[in-house]
Amino acid sequence: MEAKFALGALFISLIGAIVDVKSARIPNWLTGGGLLVGLGFHTCLAGWSGLETAVAAALAGGGVLFLPFLVGGIGAGDVKLMAAASAWVGIHHALALIFATAIAGGAFAIGYIAFRRRTSETLGRVWQICRFHLLFGVRPHPDVTGPSADSMHFPYSLAVAAGTFFVLVSISMSAWG
């Protein structure tokens, strides 16, 4: 049954990634609908305890990305997509999803930056952002964060989809033996 939930999460994540790559947006109907359906399935199959674990997973998955959203480093759609995917996989697999997504996001970002040949510029921006937050706390950097003509858009939904795929594969492998 866990693999079917992970498959639902992968389905939502893949649709989100495809739309995000094409339009730089993840629609609310997908994230909100995906979250509600995931919560509903967990509730129907496991009652109130199923709802409780799915809500906890959604809060954990979305909560991890909330701080980067607050400082302007990630879009709200990515946060909501991660919450929906986490609700689908449940609290028992949410931590694996969070770590797998973070690793995939880091690997994709490094590859994307190298492919665009913007490594030194990106490292300079990262240094500016870190220094700013150390001095002024958690708030958007006025000069560096946010879209601009020379900024790169990295669809983090690709990392969410890759992390969800990892969770599906790991669940399937553990079920086989």
Protein backbone atom coordinates (compact mmCIF):
# COMPACT_ATOMS: atom_id res chain seq x y z
CA MET A 1 0.00 0.00 0.00
CA GLU A 2 2.87 2.40 0.79
CA ALA A 3 4.18 2.03 -2.76
CA LYS A 4 0.78 3.10 -4.13
CA PHE A 5 0.87 6.23 -1.98
CA ALA A 6 4.40 6.96 -3.21
CA LEU A 7 3.21 6.44 -6.78
CA GLY A 8 0.48 9.04 -6.19
CA ALA A 9 3.10 11.44 -4.84
CA LEU A 10 5.29 10.80 -7.87
CA PHE A 11 2.39 11.45 -10.22
CA ILE A 12 1.67 14.84 -8.61
CA SER A 13 5.38 15.72 -8.48
CA LEU A 14 5.94 14.87 -12.13
CA ILE A 15 2.99 16.95 -13.27
CA GLY A 16 4.24 19.80 -11.08
CA ALA A 17 7.74 19.51 -12.53
CA ILE A 18 6.52 19.45 -16.13
CA VAL A 19 4.32 22.50 -15.64
CA ASP A 20 7.06 24.30 -13.66
CA VAL A 21 9.68 23.71 -16.35
CA LYS A 22 7.32 25.01 -19.04
CA SER A 23 5.80 27.98 -17.22
CA ALA A 24 7.91 28.66 -14.08
CA ARG A 25 4.73 28.14 -12.01
CA ILE A 26 3.11 25.26 -10.15
CA PRO A 27 -0.68 25.61 -10.19
CA ASN A 28 -2.64 25.74 -6.94
CA TRP A 29 -5.20 23.26 -8.28
CA LEU A 30 -2.41 20.67 -8.46
CA THR A 31 -0.82 21.33 -5.08
CA GLY A 32 -4.06 21.96 -3.19
CA GLY A 33 -5.91 19.16 -4.92
CA GLY A 34 -2.98 16.80 -4.47
CA LEU A 35 -2.77 17.62 -0.79
CA LEU A 36 -6.50 17.10 -0.23
CA VAL A 37 -6.60 13.82 -2.14
CA GLY A 38 -3.55 12.52 -0.26
CA LEU A 39 -5.09 13.46 3.08
CA GLY A 40 -8.38 11.91 1.98
CA PHE A 41 -6.83 8.58 0.97
CA HIS A 42 -4.90 8.32 4.23
CA THR A 43 -8.08 9.11 6.18
CA CYS A 44 -10.21 6.60 4.26
CA LEU A 45 -7.67 3.80 4.68
CA ALA A 46 -6.46 4.43 8.23
CA GLY A 47 -9.06 6.66 9.84
CA TRP A 48 -8.10 9.57 12.04
CA SER A 49 -4.60 8.20 12.64
CA GLY A 50 -4.05 8.15 8.87
CA LEU A 51 -5.14 11.77 8.63
CA GLU A 52 -2.89 12.66 11.56
CA THR A 53 0.22 11.09 9.99
CA ALA A 54 -0.51 12.63 6.58
CA VAL A 55 -0.97 16.10 8.09
CA ALA A 56 2.26 15.69 10.08
CA ALA A 57 4.08 14.67 6.90
CA ALA A 58 2.68 17.65 4.97
CA LEU A 59 3.74 20.03 7.73
CA ALA A 60 7.22 18.50 7.86
CA GLY A 61 7.74 18.54 4.09
CA GLY A 62 6.30 21.99 3.54
CA GLY A 63 7.87 23.33 6.72
CA VAL A 64 11.38 22.45 5.61
CA LEU A 65 10.99 24.63 2.52
CA PHE A 66 9.13 27.43 4.27
CA LEU A 67 12.25 29.23 5.51
CA PRO A 68 13.85 29.37 2.04
CA PHE A 69 10.51 30.69 0.77
CA LEU A 70 10.45 33.42 3.43
CA VAL A 71 13.83 34.76 2.33
CA GLY A 72 12.93 34.63 -1.37
CA GLY A 73 15.06 31.64 -2.30
CA ILE A 74 12.25 29.38 -3.45
CA GLY A 75 8.73 29.77 -4.76
CA ALA A 76 5.52 29.07 -2.87
CA GLY A 77 4.54 26.46 -5.43
CA ASP A 78 7.61 24.40 -4.54
CA VAL A 79 6.69 24.55 -0.85
CA LYS A 80 3.11 23.46 -1.57
CA LEU A 81 4.23 20.70 -3.95
CA MET A 82 6.59 19.32 -1.29
CA ALA A 83 3.77 19.44 1.29
CA ALA A 84 1.42 17.57 -1.05
CA ALA A 85 4.01 14.92 -1.93
CA SER A 86 4.86 14.49 1.75
CA ALA A 87 1.19 14.04 2.64
CA TRP A 88 0.98 11.27 0.07
CA VAL A 89 4.03 9.33 1.31
CA GLY A 90 3.09 9.80 4.97
CA ILE A 91 5.15 10.61 8.02
CA HIS A 92 7.07 7.30 7.91
CA HIS A 93 8.66 8.26 4.60
CA ALA A 94 8.60 12.06 4.83
CA LEU A 95 12.13 12.29 6.23
CA ALA A 96 13.50 10.17 3.38
CA LEU A 97 11.62 12.39 0.92
CA ILE A 98 13.03 15.53 2.52
CA PHE A 99 16.62 14.28 2.40
CA ALA A 100 16.35 12.78 -1.08
CA THR A 101 14.82 16.02 -2.39
CA ALA A 102 17.57 18.10 -0.76
CA ILE A 103 20.31 15.92 -2.25
CA ALA A 104 18.67 15.96 -5.69
CA GLY A 105 18.16 19.73 -5.46
CA GLY A 106 21.80 20.30 -4.60
CA ALA A 107 23.02 18.03 -7.38
CA PHE A 108 20.68 19.58 -9.95
CA ALA A 109 21.64 23.10 -8.88
CA ILE A 110 25.36 22.41 -9.18
CA GLY A 111 24.85 20.87 -12.60
CA TYR A 112 22.60 23.72 -13.72
CA ILE A 113 25.04 26.38 -12.55
CA ALA A 114 27.98 24.62 -14.21
CA PHE A 115 26.03 24.12 -17.44
CA ARG A 116 25.17 27.83 -17.53
CA ARG A 117 28.81 28.70 -16.74
CA ARG A 118 27.81 30.95 -13.85
CA THR A 119 29.71 29.29 -11.00
CA SER A 120 31.72 32.27 -9.74
CA GLU A 121 28.76 34.67 -10.04
CA THR A 122 26.50 32.22 -8.17
CA LEU A 123 29.04 31.65 -5.40
CA GLY A 124 29.35 35.43 -5.02
CA ARG A 125 25.57 35.75 -4.67
CA VAL A 126 25.47 32.92 -2.14
CA TRP A 127 28.15 34.67 -0.11
CA GLN A 128 26.20 37.97 -0.24
CA ILE A 129 22.98 36.25 0.86
CA CYS A 130 24.65 34.38 3.75
CA ARG A 131 26.41 37.51 4.98
CA PHE A 132 23.19 39.51 4.76
CA HIS A 133 21.21 36.95 6.80
CA LEU A 134 23.92 36.72 9.44
CA LEU A 135 23.83 40.48 9.86
CA PHE A 136 20.12 41.24 9.42
CA GLY A 137 18.25 38.00 10.16
CA VAL A 138 15.69 36.12 8.16
CA ARG A 139 14.24 38.38 5.50
CA PRO A 140 14.61 38.75 1.75
CA HIS A 141 17.84 40.29 0.53
CA PRO A 142 16.93 43.57 -1.20
CA ASP A 143 19.46 43.27 -4.02
CA VAL A 144 20.15 39.59 -4.64
CA THR A 145 16.98 37.50 -4.21
CA GLY A 146 13.97 37.57 -6.46
CA PRO A 147 13.73 37.47 -10.23
CA SER A 148 15.84 39.79 -12.31
CA ALA A 149 16.95 39.98 -15.91
CA ASP A 150 20.22 38.17 -15.22
CA SER A 151 18.96 35.63 -12.66
CA MET A 152 18.52 31.95 -13.43
CA HIS A 153 15.30 30.06 -12.74
CA PHE A 154 15.89 26.62 -11.33
CA PRO A 155 12.68 24.59 -11.10
CA TYR A 156 13.03 22.98 -7.66
CA SER A 157 10.01 20.83 -8.51
CA LEU A 158 12.47 18.63 -10.43
CA ALA A 159 14.19 17.88 -7.13
CA VAL A 160 10.84 17.10 -5.48
CA ALA A 161 10.02 14.68 -8.30
CA ALA A 162 13.45 13.04 -8.03
CA GLY A 163 13.12 12.73 -4.25
CA THR A 164 9.67 11.21 -4.64
CA PHE A 165 11.02 8.74 -7.21
CA PHE A 166 13.74 7.74 -4.73
CA VAL A 167 11.13 7.10 -2.01
CA LEU A 168 9.04 4.99 -4.41
CA VAL A 169 12.06 2.92 -5.40
CA SER A 170 13.20 2.46 -1.79
CA ILE A 171 9.69 1.37 -0.69
CA SER A 172 9.43 -1.02 -3.62
CA MET A 173 12.87 -2.51 -2.95
CA SER A 174 12.13 -3.07 0.74
CA ALA A 175 8.84 -4.76 -0.18
CA TRP A 176 10.66 -7.21 -2.45
CA GLY A 177 12.91 -8.44 0.21
